[in-house]
Amino acid sequence: MIHVLSAHLQSARWLSLQLRALEEFIRAPFQLVWSIEDIREEEIPRHKASTRIVPQCGDQAGKLNALAQLVIADARAADLLVFLDGDALPVGPLDGVFDLARRGRLVAVRRDENDGDPQPHPSFCAVSVRQWRAIGGNWEVGPHWRDGTGAAVTDVGARLWATLRERRIEWTPLLRTVHHSLHPVWFGVYANIVYHHGAAFRFPRSRADAAQSRLRHRGEAEREDWLRHVGTHSRELGELVYARLARLEPHSILSRCRDGSLFAGLSTALREPERRLAPEGGNPTPPAPVVGAEFDE
């Protein structure tokens, strides 16, 4: 059995999109385990085989750890756990990943583009129940690494990363395979099998953005202003990309990402906010409307 664990917060709109993609690309029986916070019961779609709804609150790592504990209490050692961010979905067959996980390999997204993140990321991770138990799987933050700027940072998955390093356990990273000019981290495709929207349930600010702000602006106030505009523009772009995703069949999302048509006509996320910053401490100009939300399917 494959157990898909995913956390959703405040908005139900990713549930149906995610479910359609899972049913398209998981060819073996699977159970869907959804963490739900501030979402009404009647808004939740159901997987035709099995859907388990778990009301939760708290941070992402705590939710995922708790979901895993619920599942493995009754699961077989050979079962698979698939951790999937609420704004992530498969865009290609997962059979090869599942074969690796059944052979004891942990397979996960690694976001090198987020200023050099080294850790497995829960936007997508497949691992056997046996292996998760053996390593004491834990998504919490804690241990630090040096990012691309030399700063000590931590993030979700840090403890898992540290455990794998300490025990010299090799894992298989899924790296970004689709690049575009909208943003270096958001709206990514990994190994041509997983799409991760990024920051769909929070204000979008990445450490890659923060690193850019330090390169572009000396003062803290200027950096914060720049980051605020970058985040606002990224959120606008995210709404437009989501609208396009919602109109697509799961099997066509990857091709739309690879040929660039999913992102065509949308303005870039990093140069635009620079032009909005006011000179000499004046008021910043309001953001320009973003166009190009529609395209023909």
C-alpha atoms as a PDB file:
ATOM      1  CA  MET A   1       0.000   0.000   0.000  1.00  0.00           C
ATOM      2  CA  ILE A   2       1.081   3.553  -0.735  1.00  0.00           C
ATOM      3  CA  HIS A   3       0.139   6.215   1.815  1.00  0.00           C
ATOM      4  CA  VAL A   4       0.112   9.810   0.513  1.00  0.00           C
ATOM      5  CA  LEU A   5       0.499  12.367   3.326  1.00  0.00           C
ATOM      6  CA  SER A   6      -0.301  15.996   2.551  1.00  0.00           C
ATOM      7  CA  ALA A   7      -1.115  19.081   4.642  1.00  0.00           C
ATOM      8  CA  HIS A   8      -3.583  21.779   3.528  1.00  0.00           C
ATOM      9  CA  LEU A   9      -4.229  25.063   5.304  1.00  0.00           C
ATOM     10  CA  GLN A  10      -7.200  27.479   5.084  1.00  0.00           C
ATOM     11  CA  SER A  11      -7.862  26.862   1.382  1.00  0.00           C
ATOM     12  CA  ALA A  12      -9.415  23.760  -0.181  1.00  0.00           C
ATOM     13  CA  ARG A  13      -8.685  24.700  -3.768  1.00  0.00           C
ATOM     14  CA  TRP A  14      -5.570  22.522  -4.151  1.00  0.00           C
ATOM     15  CA  LEU A  15      -7.344  19.396  -2.926  1.00  0.00           C
ATOM     16  CA  SER A  16      -9.176  18.471  -6.124  1.00  0.00           C
ATOM     17  CA  LEU A  17      -6.229  19.373  -8.351  1.00  0.00           C
ATOM     18  CA  GLN A  18      -3.904  17.234  -6.263  1.00  0.00           C
ATOM     19  CA  LEU A  19      -6.349  14.335  -6.120  1.00  0.00           C
ATOM     20  CA  ARG A  20      -6.814  14.266  -9.910  1.00  0.00           C
ATOM     21  CA  ALA A  21      -3.044  14.145 -10.416  1.00  0.00           C
ATOM     22  CA  LEU A  22      -2.532  11.390  -7.850  1.00  0.00           C
ATOM     23  CA  GLU A  23      -5.241   9.243  -9.395  1.00  0.00           C
ATOM     24  CA  GLU A  24      -3.658   9.802 -12.804  1.00  0.00           C
ATOM     25  CA  PHE A  25      -0.074   8.907 -11.919  1.00  0.00           C
ATOM     26  CA  ILE A  26      -0.196   6.413  -9.036  1.00  0.00           C
ATOM     27  CA  ARG A  27      -0.982   3.094 -10.652  1.00  0.00           C
ATOM     28  CA  ALA A  28      -1.004   1.018  -7.458  1.00  0.00           C
ATOM     29  CA  PRO A  29      -3.573   1.125  -4.636  1.00  0.00           C
ATOM     30  CA  PHE A  30      -3.047   4.114  -2.385  1.00  0.00           C
ATOM     31  CA  GLN A  31      -4.546   5.735   0.679  1.00  0.00           C
ATOM     32  CA  LEU A  32      -4.842   9.501   0.817  1.00  0.00           C
ATOM     33  CA  VAL A  33      -4.115  11.024   4.251  1.00  0.00           C
ATOM     34  CA  TRP A  34      -4.942  14.721   4.300  1.00  0.00           C
ATOM     35  CA  SER A  35      -4.076  17.078   7.136  1.00  0.00           C
ATOM     36  CA  ILE A  36      -6.738  19.796   7.215  1.00  0.00           C
ATOM     37  CA  GLU A  37      -6.631  23.111   9.075  1.00  0.00           C
ATOM     38  CA  ASP A  38      -9.418  25.709   8.796  1.00  0.00           C
ATOM     39  CA  ILE A  39     -11.120  23.927   5.877  1.00  0.00           C
ATOM     40  CA  ARG A  40     -14.774  22.909   5.966  1.00  0.00           C
ATOM     41  CA  GLU A  41     -15.579  19.197   5.756  1.00  0.00           C
ATOM     42  CA  GLU A  42     -17.960  19.679   2.832  1.00  0.00           C
ATOM     43  CA  GLU A  43     -15.150  21.211   0.742  1.00  0.00           C
ATOM     44  CA  ILE A  44     -12.982  18.097   0.887  1.00  0.00           C
ATOM     45  CA  PRO A  45     -13.094  15.706  -2.101  1.00  0.00           C
ATOM     46  CA  ARG A  46     -12.654  11.973  -1.514  1.00  0.00           C
ATOM     47  CA  HIS A  47     -10.378   9.468  -3.205  1.00  0.00           C
ATOM     48  CA  LYS A  48     -12.444   6.632  -4.609  1.00  0.00           C
ATOM     49  CA  ALA A  49     -10.506   3.998  -2.621  1.00  0.00           C
ATOM     50  CA  SER A  50      -9.567   5.567   0.716  1.00  0.00           C
ATOM     51  CA  THR A  51      -9.369   9.079   2.134  1.00  0.00           C
ATOM     52  CA  ARG A  52      -8.383   9.773   5.730  1.00  0.00           C
ATOM     53  CA  ILE A  53      -9.013  13.294   7.040  1.00  0.00           C
ATOM     54  CA  VAL A  54      -6.914  14.432  10.013  1.00  0.00           C
ATOM     55  CA  PRO A  55      -7.693  17.857  11.534  1.00  0.00           C
ATOM     56  CA  GLN A  56      -4.434  19.439  12.690  1.00  0.00           C
ATOM     57  CA  CYS A  57      -2.876  22.733  13.637  1.00  0.00           C
ATOM     58  CA  GLY A  58       0.730  23.790  14.058  1.00  0.00           C
ATOM     59  CA  ASP A  59       3.774  23.923  11.825  1.00  0.00           C
ATOM     60  CA  GLN A  60       4.352  21.845   8.700  1.00  0.00           C
ATOM     61  CA  ALA A  61       7.027  19.578  10.153  1.00  0.00           C
ATOM     62  CA  GLY A  62       4.941  18.728  13.198  1.00  0.00           C
ATOM     63  CA  LYS A  63       1.922  17.925  11.054  1.00  0.00           C
ATOM     64  CA  LEU A  64       3.861  15.623   8.737  1.00  0.00           C
ATOM     65  CA  ASN A  65       5.582  13.838  11.609  1.00  0.00           C
ATOM     66  CA  ALA A  66       2.219  13.251  13.281  1.00  0.00           C
ATOM     67  CA  LEU A  67       0.655  11.962  10.058  1.00  0.00           C
ATOM     68  CA  ALA A  68       3.539   9.542   9.589  1.00  0.00           C
ATOM     69  CA  GLN A  69       3.156   8.236  13.131  1.00  0.00           C
ATOM     70  CA  LEU A  70      -0.571   7.661  12.572  1.00  0.00           C
ATOM     71  CA  VAL A  71       0.071   5.719   9.395  1.00  0.00           C
ATOM     72  CA  ILE A  72       3.019   3.577  10.428  1.00  0.00           C
ATOM     73  CA  ALA A  73       1.258   2.447  13.591  1.00  0.00           C
ATOM     74  CA  ASP A  74      -0.818   0.083  11.426  1.00  0.00           C
ATOM     75  CA  ALA A  75       1.183  -0.079   8.185  1.00  0.00           C
ATOM     76  CA  ARG A  76       3.298  -2.915   6.902  1.00  0.00           C
ATOM     77  CA  ALA A  77       7.042  -2.438   6.733  1.00  0.00           C
ATOM     78  CA  ALA A  78       6.945  -2.778   2.944  1.00  0.00           C
ATOM     79  CA  ASP A  79       4.339  -0.009   2.559  1.00  0.00           C
ATOM     80  CA  LEU A  80       5.438   3.325   1.141  1.00  0.00           C
ATOM     81  CA  LEU A  81       5.049   6.814   2.581  1.00  0.00           C
ATOM     82  CA  VAL A  82       4.738   9.659   0.099  1.00  0.00           C
ATOM     83  CA  PHE A  83       5.030  13.119   1.652  1.00  0.00           C
ATOM     84  CA  LEU A  84       3.555  15.746  -0.655  1.00  0.00           C
ATOM     85  CA  ASP A  85       3.170  19.468  -0.047  1.00  0.00           C
ATOM     86  CA  GLY A  86      -0.390  20.734  -0.314  1.00  0.00           C
ATOM     87  CA  ASP A  87       0.609  22.780  -3.384  1.00  0.00           C
ATOM     88  CA  ALA A  88       2.546  19.969  -5.070  1.00  0.00           C
ATOM     89  CA  LEU A  89       1.354  17.255  -7.437  1.00  0.00           C
ATOM     90  CA  PRO A  90       2.771  14.550  -9.670  1.00  0.00           C
ATOM     91  CA  VAL A  91       3.037  15.421 -13.362  1.00  0.00           C
ATOM     92  CA  GLY A  92       4.421  12.087 -14.552  1.00  0.00           C
ATOM     93  CA  PRO A  93       4.403   8.370 -13.644  1.00  0.00           C
ATOM     94  CA  LEU A  94       5.928   7.625 -10.256  1.00  0.00           C
ATOM     95  CA  ASP A  95       6.704   3.932 -10.807  1.00  0.00           C
ATOM     96  CA  GLY A  96      10.477   4.429 -10.952  1.00  0.00           C
ATOM     97  CA  VAL A  97      10.520   6.441  -7.731  1.00  0.00           C
ATOM     98  CA  PHE A  98       8.419   3.821  -5.962  1.00  0.00           C
ATOM     99  CA  ASP A  99      10.759   1.041  -7.137  1.00  0.00           C
ATOM    100  CA  LEU A 100      13.703   2.893  -5.577  1.00  0.00           C
ATOM    101  CA  ALA A 101      11.795   3.448  -2.325  1.00  0.00           C
ATOM    102  CA  ARG A 102      10.868  -0.241  -2.122  1.00  0.00           C
ATOM    103  CA  ARG A 103      14.576  -1.057  -2.365  1.00  0.00           C
ATOM    104  CA  GLY A 104      15.260   1.056   0.726  1.00  0.00           C
ATOM    105  CA  ARG A 105      16.108   4.355  -0.906  1.00  0.00           C
ATOM    106  CA  LEU A 106      14.740   7.688   0.306  1.00  0.00           C
ATOM    107  CA  VAL A 107      13.815   9.768  -2.762  1.00  0.00           C
ATOM    108  CA  ALA A 108      13.016  13.455  -2.313  1.00  0.00           C
ATOM    109  CA  VAL A 109      13.097  16.878  -3.895  1.00  0.00           C
ATOM    110  CA  ARG A 110      16.262  18.854  -3.216  1.00  0.00           C
ATOM    111  CA  ARG A 111      16.002  22.589  -3.875  1.00  0.00           C
ATOM    112  CA  ASP A 112      19.517  23.551  -4.903  1.00  0.00           C
ATOM    113  CA  GLU A 113      18.023  26.716  -6.383  1.00  0.00           C
ATOM    114  CA  ASN A 114      16.943  27.933  -2.933  1.00  0.00           C
ATOM    115  CA  ASP A 115      20.415  29.291  -2.201  1.00  0.00           C
ATOM    116  CA  GLY A 116      21.940  25.822  -2.041  1.00  0.00           C
ATOM    117  CA  ASP A 117      19.518  23.870   0.175  1.00  0.00           C
ATOM    118  CA  PRO A 118      21.067  20.403   0.786  1.00  0.00           C
ATOM    119  CA  GLN A 119      18.207  18.656   2.614  1.00  0.00           C
ATOM    120  CA  PRO A 120      15.360  16.403   1.469  1.00  0.00           C
ATOM    121  CA  HIS A 121      12.302  18.605   1.026  1.00  0.00           C
ATOM    122  CA  PRO A 122       8.747  17.447   1.868  1.00  0.00           C
ATOM    123  CA  SER A 123       7.291  18.966  -1.291  1.00  0.00           C
ATOM    124  CA  PHE A 124       7.805  15.369  -2.445  1.00  0.00           C
ATOM    125  CA  CYS A 125       9.455  12.480  -0.645  1.00  0.00           C
ATOM    126  CA  ALA A 126       8.957   8.728  -1.074  1.00  0.00           C
ATOM    127  CA  VAL A 127      10.315   6.245   1.463  1.00  0.00           C
ATOM    128  CA  SER A 128       9.361   2.831   2.771  1.00  0.00           C
ATOM    129  CA  VAL A 129       7.793   2.483   6.206  1.00  0.00           C
ATOM    130  CA  ARG A 130      10.679   0.181   7.119  1.00  0.00           C
ATOM    131  CA  GLN A 131      13.266   2.833   6.247  1.00  0.00           C
ATOM    132  CA  TRP A 132      11.359   5.690   7.912  1.00  0.00           C
ATOM    133  CA  ARG A 133      11.201   3.693  11.127  1.00  0.00           C
ATOM    134  CA  ALA A 134      14.867   2.683  10.913  1.00  0.00           C
ATOM    135  CA  ILE A 135      16.142   6.252  10.573  1.00  0.00           C
ATOM    136  CA  GLY A 136      13.650   7.757  13.020  1.00  0.00           C
ATOM    137  CA  GLY A 137      12.303   9.970  10.251  1.00  0.00           C
ATOM    138  CA  ASN A 138      11.762  13.569  11.369  1.00  0.00           C
ATOM    139  CA  TRP A 139      10.953  16.685   9.317  1.00  0.00           C
ATOM    140  CA  GLU A 140      11.828  19.181  12.058  1.00  0.00           C
ATOM    141  CA  VAL A 141      14.263  22.062  11.673  1.00  0.00           C
ATOM    142  CA  GLY A 142      17.335  22.223  13.898  1.00  0.00           C
ATOM    143  CA  PRO A 143      20.748  21.423  12.432  1.00  0.00           C
ATOM    144  CA  HIS A 144      22.223  24.221  10.321  1.00  0.00           C
ATOM    145  CA  TRP A 145      24.168  24.388   7.077  1.00  0.00           C
ATOM    146  CA  ARG A 146      25.916  27.220   5.251  1.00  0.00           C
ATOM    147  CA  ASP A 147      23.901  28.627   2.372  1.00  0.00           C
ATOM    148  CA  GLY A 148      25.249  30.158  -0.824  1.00  0.00           C
ATOM    149  CA  THR A 149      26.076  33.398   0.987  1.00  0.00           C
ATOM    150  CA  GLY A 150      27.862  31.689   3.874  1.00  0.00           C
ATOM    151  CA  ALA A 151      25.039  32.266   6.379  1.00  0.00           C
ATOM    152  CA  ALA A 152      24.045  29.503   8.799  1.00  0.00           C
ATOM    153  CA  VAL A 153      20.449  28.474   8.049  1.00  0.00           C
ATOM    154  CA  THR A 154      17.982  25.726   8.842  1.00  0.00           C
ATOM    155  CA  ASP A 155      14.656  24.697   7.375  1.00  0.00           C
ATOM    156  CA  VAL A 156      12.099  21.908   7.308  1.00  0.00           C
ATOM    157  CA  GLY A 157      13.909  18.609   6.725  1.00  0.00           C
ATOM    158  CA  ALA A 158      17.097  19.678   8.515  1.00  0.00           C
ATOM    159  CA  ARG A 159      16.950  16.881  11.101  1.00  0.00           C
ATOM    160  CA  LEU A 160      16.312  14.302   8.397  1.00  0.00           C
ATOM    161  CA  TRP A 161      19.291  15.658   6.437  1.00  0.00           C
ATOM    162  CA  ALA A 162      21.519  15.482   9.519  1.00  0.00           C
ATOM    163  CA  THR A 163      20.452  11.904  10.295  1.00  0.00           C
ATOM    164  CA  LEU A 164      21.213  10.744   6.767  1.00  0.00           C
ATOM    165  CA  ARG A 165      24.649  12.392   6.916  1.00  0.00           C
ATOM    166  CA  GLU A 166      25.505  11.020  10.349  1.00  0.00           C
ATOM    167  CA  ARG A 167      24.575   7.474   9.344  1.00  0.00           C
ATOM    168  CA  ARG A 168      26.167   7.798   5.898  1.00  0.00           C
ATOM    169  CA  ILE A 169      22.900   6.843   4.229  1.00  0.00           C
ATOM    170  CA  GLU A 170      22.714   7.767   0.576  1.00  0.00           C
ATOM    171  CA  TRP A 171      19.465   9.167  -0.772  1.00  0.00           C
ATOM    172  CA  THR A 172      18.247  10.124  -4.237  1.00  0.00           C
ATOM    173  CA  PRO A 173      17.590  13.840  -4.811  1.00  0.00           C
ATOM    174  CA  LEU A 174      15.044  14.986  -7.382  1.00  0.00           C
ATOM    175  CA  LEU A 175      16.421  18.172  -8.937  1.00  0.00           C
ATOM    176  CA  ARG A 176      14.681  20.964 -10.789  1.00  0.00           C
ATOM    177  CA  THR A 177      14.295  20.222 -14.497  1.00  0.00           C
ATOM    178  CA  VAL A 178      12.135  23.139 -15.703  1.00  0.00           C
ATOM    179  CA  HIS A 179      13.496  26.675 -15.440  1.00  0.00           C
ATOM    180  CA  HIS A 180      11.812  29.966 -16.314  1.00  0.00           C
ATOM    181  CA  SER A 181      12.102  33.658 -15.563  1.00  0.00           C
ATOM    182  CA  LEU A 182       9.150  34.001 -13.175  1.00  0.00           C
ATOM    183  CA  HIS A 183      11.061  33.092 -10.026  1.00  0.00           C
ATOM    184  CA  PRO A 184      14.144  30.981  -9.189  1.00  0.00           C
ATOM    185  CA  VAL A 185      12.303  28.845  -6.595  1.00  0.00           C
ATOM    186  CA  TRP A 186       8.527  28.981  -7.112  1.00  0.00           C
ATOM    187  CA  PHE A 187       6.598  27.105  -9.841  1.00  0.00           C
ATOM    188  CA  GLY A 188       9.197  24.350 -10.238  1.00  0.00           C
ATOM    189  CA  VAL A 189       9.194  20.905 -11.825  1.00  0.00           C
ATOM    190  CA  TYR A 190      11.517  18.263 -10.382  1.00  0.00           C
ATOM    191  CA  ALA A 191      12.892  15.245 -12.262  1.00  0.00           C
ATOM    192  CA  ASN A 192      10.023  15.790 -14.734  1.00  0.00           C
ATOM    193  CA  ILE A 193       7.656  14.032 -12.341  1.00  0.00           C
ATOM    194  CA  VAL A 194       6.657  16.530  -9.619  1.00  0.00           C
ATOM    195  CA  TYR A 195       5.346  20.096  -9.805  1.00  0.00           C
ATOM    196  CA  HIS A 196       5.761  22.288  -6.706  1.00  0.00           C
ATOM    197  CA  HIS A 197       4.012  25.650  -6.742  1.00  0.00           C
ATOM    198  CA  GLY A 198       5.673  26.968  -3.590  1.00  0.00           C
ATOM    199  CA  ALA A 199       4.323  29.127  -0.734  1.00  0.00           C
ATOM    200  CA  ALA A 200       0.681  28.713  -1.783  1.00  0.00           C
ATOM    201  CA  PHE A 201      -0.465  28.850   1.852  1.00  0.00           C
ATOM    202  CA  ARG A 202       1.703  31.743   3.061  1.00  0.00           C
ATOM    203  CA  PHE A 203       3.225  35.010   1.907  1.00  0.00           C
ATOM    204  CA  PRO A 204       5.840  33.991  -0.681  1.00  0.00           C
ATOM    205  CA  ARG A 205       9.323  34.905   0.514  1.00  0.00           C
ATOM    206  CA  SER A 206      12.280  32.616  -0.148  1.00  0.00           C
ATOM    207  CA  ARG A 207      15.847  32.662   1.113  1.00  0.00           C
ATOM    208  CA  ALA A 208      16.907  33.059  -2.513  1.00  0.00           C
ATOM    209  CA  ASP A 209      14.947  36.341  -2.476  1.00  0.00           C
ATOM    210  CA  ALA A 210      16.623  37.366   0.762  1.00  0.00           C
ATOM    211  CA  ALA A 211      20.066  36.682  -0.715  1.00  0.00           C
ATOM    212  CA  GLN A 212      19.199  38.835  -3.736  1.00  0.00           C
ATOM    213  CA  SER A 213      17.984  41.636  -1.477  1.00  0.00           C
ATOM    214  CA  ARG A 214      21.357  41.699   0.302  1.00  0.00           C
ATOM    215  CA  LEU A 215      23.156  41.964  -3.018  1.00  0.00           C
ATOM    216  CA  ARG A 216      20.949  44.782  -4.312  1.00  0.00           C
ATOM    217  CA  HIS A 217      20.395  46.972  -1.249  1.00  0.00           C
ATOM    218  CA  ARG A 218      22.579  47.973   1.680  1.00  0.00           C
ATOM    219  CA  GLY A 219      19.984  49.236   4.140  1.00  0.00           C
ATOM    220  CA  GLU A 220      17.567  46.998   6.055  1.00  0.00           C
ATOM    221  CA  ALA A 221      14.582  49.195   5.155  1.00  0.00           C
ATOM    222  CA  GLU A 222      15.377  49.023   1.435  1.00  0.00           C
ATOM    223  CA  ARG A 223      15.811  45.258   1.613  1.00  0.00           C
ATOM    224  CA  GLU A 224      12.487  44.781   3.377  1.00  0.00           C
ATOM    225  CA  ASP A 225      10.720  47.021   0.887  1.00  0.00           C
ATOM    226  CA  TRP A 226      12.222  45.089  -2.010  1.00  0.00           C
ATOM    227  CA  LEU A 227      11.287  41.744  -0.451  1.00  0.00           C
ATOM    228  CA  ARG A 228       7.725  42.915   0.181  1.00  0.00           C
ATOM    229  CA  HIS A 229       7.297  43.861  -3.457  1.00  0.00           C
ATOM    230  CA  VAL A 230       8.908  40.656  -4.680  1.00  0.00           C
ATOM    231  CA  GLY A 231       6.563  38.636  -2.461  1.00  0.00           C
ATOM    232  CA  THR A 232       3.482  40.564  -3.569  1.00  0.00           C
ATOM    233  CA  HIS A 233       4.372  40.092  -7.203  1.00  0.00           C
ATOM    234  CA  SER A 234       5.133  36.388  -6.666  1.00  0.00           C
ATOM    235  CA  ARG A 235       1.715  35.981  -5.073  1.00  0.00           C
ATOM    236  CA  GLU A 236       0.066  37.642  -8.082  1.00  0.00           C
ATOM    237  CA  LEU A 237       1.962  35.355 -10.426  1.00  0.00           C
ATOM    238  CA  GLY A 238       0.986  32.353  -8.309  1.00  0.00           C
ATOM    239  CA  GLU A 239      -2.704  33.178  -8.717  1.00  0.00           C
ATOM    240  CA  LEU A 240      -2.320  33.297 -12.492  1.00  0.00           C
ATOM    241  CA  VAL A 241      -0.305  30.089 -12.689  1.00  0.00           C
ATOM    242  CA  TYR A 242      -2.831  28.301 -10.465  1.00  0.00           C
ATOM    243  CA  ALA A 243      -5.700  29.437 -12.704  1.00  0.00           C
ATOM    244  CA  ARG A 244      -3.931  27.854 -15.645  1.00  0.00           C
ATOM    245  CA  LEU A 245      -3.141  24.650 -13.759  1.00  0.00           C
ATOM    246  CA  ALA A 246      -6.781  24.270 -12.738  1.00  0.00           C
ATOM    247  CA  ARG A 247      -7.816  24.214 -16.402  1.00  0.00           C
ATOM    248  CA  LEU A 248      -5.364  21.502 -17.432  1.00  0.00           C
ATOM    249  CA  GLU A 249      -5.674  17.742 -17.361  1.00  0.00           C
ATOM    250  CA  PRO A 250      -2.907  16.232 -15.190  1.00  0.00           C
ATOM    251  CA  HIS A 251      -1.249  14.465 -18.129  1.00  0.00           C
ATOM    252  CA  SER A 252      -0.703  17.762 -19.974  1.00  0.00           C
ATOM    253  CA  ILE A 253       0.810  19.826 -17.134  1.00  0.00           C
ATOM    254  CA  LEU A 254       4.381  18.608 -17.686  1.00  0.00           C
ATOM    255  CA  SER A 255       4.344  19.377 -21.400  1.00  0.00           C
ATOM    256  CA  ARG A 256       2.953  22.851 -20.682  1.00  0.00           C
ATOM    257  CA  CYS A 257       5.766  23.433 -18.202  1.00  0.00           C
ATOM    258  CA  ARG A 258       8.491  22.117 -20.496  1.00  0.00           C
ATOM    259  CA  ASP A 259       7.439  24.104 -23.555  1.00  0.00           C
ATOM    260  CA  GLY A 260       6.932  27.217 -21.414  1.00  0.00           C
ATOM    261  CA  SER A 261       3.290  27.764 -22.337  1.00  0.00           C
ATOM    262  CA  LEU A 262       2.159  27.487 -18.696  1.00  0.00           C
ATOM    263  CA  PHE A 263       4.257  30.563 -17.925  1.00  0.00           C
ATOM    264  CA  ALA A 264       4.028  32.432 -21.246  1.00  0.00           C
ATOM    265  CA  GLY A 265       2.863  36.040 -21.092  1.00  0.00           C
ATOM    266  CA  LEU A 266       3.489  36.449 -17.367  1.00  0.00           C
ATOM    267  CA  SER A 267       5.917  39.165 -16.312  1.00  0.00           C
ATOM    268  CA  THR A 268       9.120  38.312 -14.457  1.00  0.00           C
ATOM    269  CA  ALA A 269       9.061  38.342 -10.679  1.00  0.00           C
ATOM    270  CA  LEU A 270      12.419  39.871  -9.801  1.00  0.00           C
ATOM    271  CA  ARG A 271      13.036  42.787 -12.168  1.00  0.00           C
ATOM    272  CA  GLU A 272       9.520  44.221 -11.896  1.00  0.00           C
ATOM    273  CA  PRO A 273       9.659  45.009  -8.128  1.00  0.00           C
ATOM    274  CA  GLU A 274      12.926  46.905  -8.604  1.00  0.00           C
ATOM    275  CA  ARG A 275      11.151  49.419 -10.814  1.00  0.00           C
ATOM    276  CA  ARG A 276       8.505  49.934  -8.140  1.00  0.00           C
ATOM    277  CA  LEU A 277      10.913  51.089  -5.450  1.00  0.00           C
ATOM    278  CA  ALA A 278      10.708  54.828  -4.879  1.00  0.00           C
ATOM    279  CA  PRO A 279      13.866  56.927  -5.242  1.00  0.00           C
ATOM    280  CA  GLU A 280      15.362  58.691  -2.233  1.00  0.00           C
ATOM    281  CA  GLY A 281      12.977  57.192   0.292  1.00  0.00           C
ATOM    282  CA  GLY A 282       9.751  58.295  -1.424  1.00  0.00           C
ATOM    283  CA  ASN A 283       6.584  56.238  -1.611  1.00  0.00           C
ATOM    284  CA  PRO A 284       6.874  53.172  -3.821  1.00  0.00           C
ATOM    285  CA  THR A 285       4.738  53.099  -6.928  1.00  0.00           C
ATOM    286  CA  PRO A 286       1.759  50.738  -6.806  1.00  0.00           C
ATOM    287  CA  PRO A 287       2.230  47.357  -8.487  1.00  0.00           C
ATOM    288  CA  ALA A 288       1.219  47.178 -12.117  1.00  0.00           C
ATOM    289  CA  PRO A 289      -1.483  44.660 -12.986  1.00  0.00           C
ATOM    290  CA  VAL A 290      -0.205  41.348 -14.281  1.00  0.00           C
ATOM    291  CA  VAL A 291      -1.716  40.216 -17.571  1.00  0.00           C
ATOM    292  CA  GLY A 292      -1.726  36.982 -19.495  1.00  0.00           C
ATOM    293  CA  ALA A 293      -3.787  34.742 -17.228  1.00  0.00           C
ATOM    294  CA  GLU A 294      -5.666  32.982 -20.001  1.00  0.00           C
ATOM    295  CA  PHE A 295      -4.447  30.593 -22.654  1.00  0.00           C
ATOM    296  CA  ASP A 296      -6.097  28.091 -24.928  1.00  0.00           C
ATOM    297  CA  GLU A 297      -6.094  24.498 -23.766  1.00  0.00           C
END
